[in-house]
Amino acid sequence: METNLEVIYYTLVAAGLYFMSDWLLDRIEISRGERFQNRCVRSLVFFLIILVLAFITFGLINYLVLYRE
């Protein structure tokens, strides 16, 4: 049963990370004063943002789950 809850937690967090990464990318582009012209660069920046946030967040969740047990 707890494994099912962990899957739900990770899925909800992943959805939140997607929206947070999109928001951060928009903030970066606004601070630059323009959108990234190359779609590949925009995708790469988005990927790097979500990757860093995922490592931090999933590591924290994993730590909290292991610490709880």
C-alpha atoms as a PDB file:
ATOM      1  CA  MET A   1       0.000   0.000   0.000  1.00  0.00           C
ATOM      2  CA  GLU A   2       2.795   2.440   0.841  1.00  0.00           C
ATOM      3  CA  THR A   3       4.438   1.813  -2.530  1.00  0.00           C
ATOM      4  CA  ASN A   4       1.238   2.965  -4.230  1.00  0.00           C
ATOM      5  CA  LEU A   5       1.282   6.160  -2.179  1.00  0.00           C
ATOM      6  CA  GLU A   6       4.907   6.803  -3.109  1.00  0.00           C
ATOM      7  CA  VAL A   7       4.019   6.506  -6.795  1.00  0.00           C
ATOM      8  CA  ILE A   8       1.224   9.030  -6.304  1.00  0.00           C
ATOM      9  CA  TYR A   9       3.558  11.403  -4.414  1.00  0.00           C
ATOM     10  CA  TYR A  10       6.232  11.210  -7.113  1.00  0.00           C
ATOM     11  CA  THR A  11       3.639  11.738  -9.859  1.00  0.00           C
ATOM     12  CA  LEU A  12       2.137  14.795  -8.165  1.00  0.00           C
ATOM     13  CA  VAL A  13       5.577  16.242  -7.494  1.00  0.00           C
ATOM     14  CA  ALA A  14       6.622  15.616 -11.113  1.00  0.00           C
ATOM     15  CA  ALA A  15       3.567  17.515 -12.365  1.00  0.00           C
ATOM     16  CA  GLY A  16       4.364  20.366  -9.998  1.00  0.00           C
ATOM     17  CA  LEU A  17       7.988  20.397 -11.165  1.00  0.00           C
ATOM     18  CA  TYR A  18       6.848  20.674 -14.773  1.00  0.00           C
ATOM     19  CA  PHE A  19       4.777  23.775 -14.056  1.00  0.00           C
ATOM     20  CA  MET A  20       7.479  25.256 -11.810  1.00  0.00           C
ATOM     21  CA  SER A  21      10.103  24.744 -14.522  1.00  0.00           C
ATOM     22  CA  ASP A  22       7.881  26.374 -17.119  1.00  0.00           C
ATOM     23  CA  TRP A  23       7.302  29.336 -14.802  1.00  0.00           C
ATOM     24  CA  LEU A  24      11.049  29.668 -14.094  1.00  0.00           C
ATOM     25  CA  LEU A  25      11.826  29.525 -17.815  1.00  0.00           C
ATOM     26  CA  ASP A  26       9.323  32.331 -18.413  1.00  0.00           C
ATOM     27  CA  ARG A  27      10.940  34.380 -15.624  1.00  0.00           C
ATOM     28  CA  ILE A  28      14.388  33.857 -17.185  1.00  0.00           C
ATOM     29  CA  GLU A  29      13.111  34.944 -20.594  1.00  0.00           C
ATOM     30  CA  ILE A  30      11.390  38.003 -19.147  1.00  0.00           C
ATOM     31  CA  SER A  31      14.570  39.013 -17.308  1.00  0.00           C
ATOM     32  CA  ARG A  32      16.501  38.639 -20.590  1.00  0.00           C
ATOM     33  CA  GLY A  33      13.973  40.882 -22.297  1.00  0.00           C
ATOM     34  CA  GLU A  34      13.244  38.363 -25.060  1.00  0.00           C
ATOM     35  CA  ARG A  35      12.341  34.744 -25.650  1.00  0.00           C
ATOM     36  CA  PHE A  36      14.993  32.252 -26.650  1.00  0.00           C
ATOM     37  CA  GLN A  37      14.961  32.371 -30.447  1.00  0.00           C
ATOM     38  CA  ASN A  38      16.222  28.838 -30.961  1.00  0.00           C
ATOM     39  CA  ARG A  39      13.668  26.236 -29.861  1.00  0.00           C
ATOM     40  CA  CYS A  40      16.466  23.767 -29.138  1.00  0.00           C
ATOM     41  CA  VAL A  41      18.082  26.189 -26.665  1.00  0.00           C
ATOM     42  CA  ARG A  42      14.729  26.787 -24.969  1.00  0.00           C
ATOM     43  CA  SER A  43      14.175  23.036 -24.618  1.00  0.00           C
ATOM     44  CA  LEU A  44      17.672  22.544 -23.246  1.00  0.00           C
ATOM     45  CA  VAL A  45      17.240  25.288 -20.639  1.00  0.00           C
ATOM     46  CA  PHE A  46      13.866  23.813 -19.643  1.00  0.00           C
ATOM     47  CA  PHE A  47      15.433  20.353 -19.350  1.00  0.00           C
ATOM     48  CA  LEU A  48      18.266  21.648 -17.156  1.00  0.00           C
ATOM     49  CA  ILE A  49      15.832  23.467 -14.864  1.00  0.00           C
ATOM     50  CA  ILE A  50      13.561  20.454 -14.420  1.00  0.00           C
ATOM     51  CA  LEU A  51      16.558  18.105 -14.012  1.00  0.00           C
ATOM     52  CA  VAL A  52      18.059  20.133 -11.166  1.00  0.00           C
ATOM     53  CA  LEU A  53      14.689  20.558  -9.458  1.00  0.00           C
ATOM     54  CA  ALA A  54      13.917  16.834  -9.851  1.00  0.00           C
ATOM     55  CA  PHE A  55      17.234  15.743  -8.316  1.00  0.00           C
ATOM     56  CA  ILE A  56      16.733  18.043  -5.352  1.00  0.00           C
ATOM     57  CA  THR A  57      13.064  17.265  -4.808  1.00  0.00           C
ATOM     58  CA  PHE A  58      13.182  13.505  -5.376  1.00  0.00           C
ATOM     59  CA  GLY A  59      16.289  13.251  -3.217  1.00  0.00           C
ATOM     60  CA  LEU A  60      14.462  15.073  -0.440  1.00  0.00           C
ATOM     61  CA  ILE A  61      11.412  12.822  -0.790  1.00  0.00           C
ATOM     62  CA  ASN A  62      13.593   9.729  -0.778  1.00  0.00           C
ATOM     63  CA  TYR A  63      15.399  10.965   2.334  1.00  0.00           C
ATOM     64  CA  LEU A  64      12.126  11.689   4.125  1.00  0.00           C
ATOM     65  CA  VAL A  65      10.657   8.297   3.222  1.00  0.00           C
ATOM     66  CA  LEU A  66      13.770   6.424   4.364  1.00  0.00           C
ATOM     67  CA  TYR A  67      14.086   8.566   7.486  1.00  0.00           C
ATOM     68  CA  ARG A  68      10.469   7.865   8.409  1.00  0.00           C
ATOM     69  CA  GLU A  69      11.023   4.111   8.321  1.00  0.00           C
END
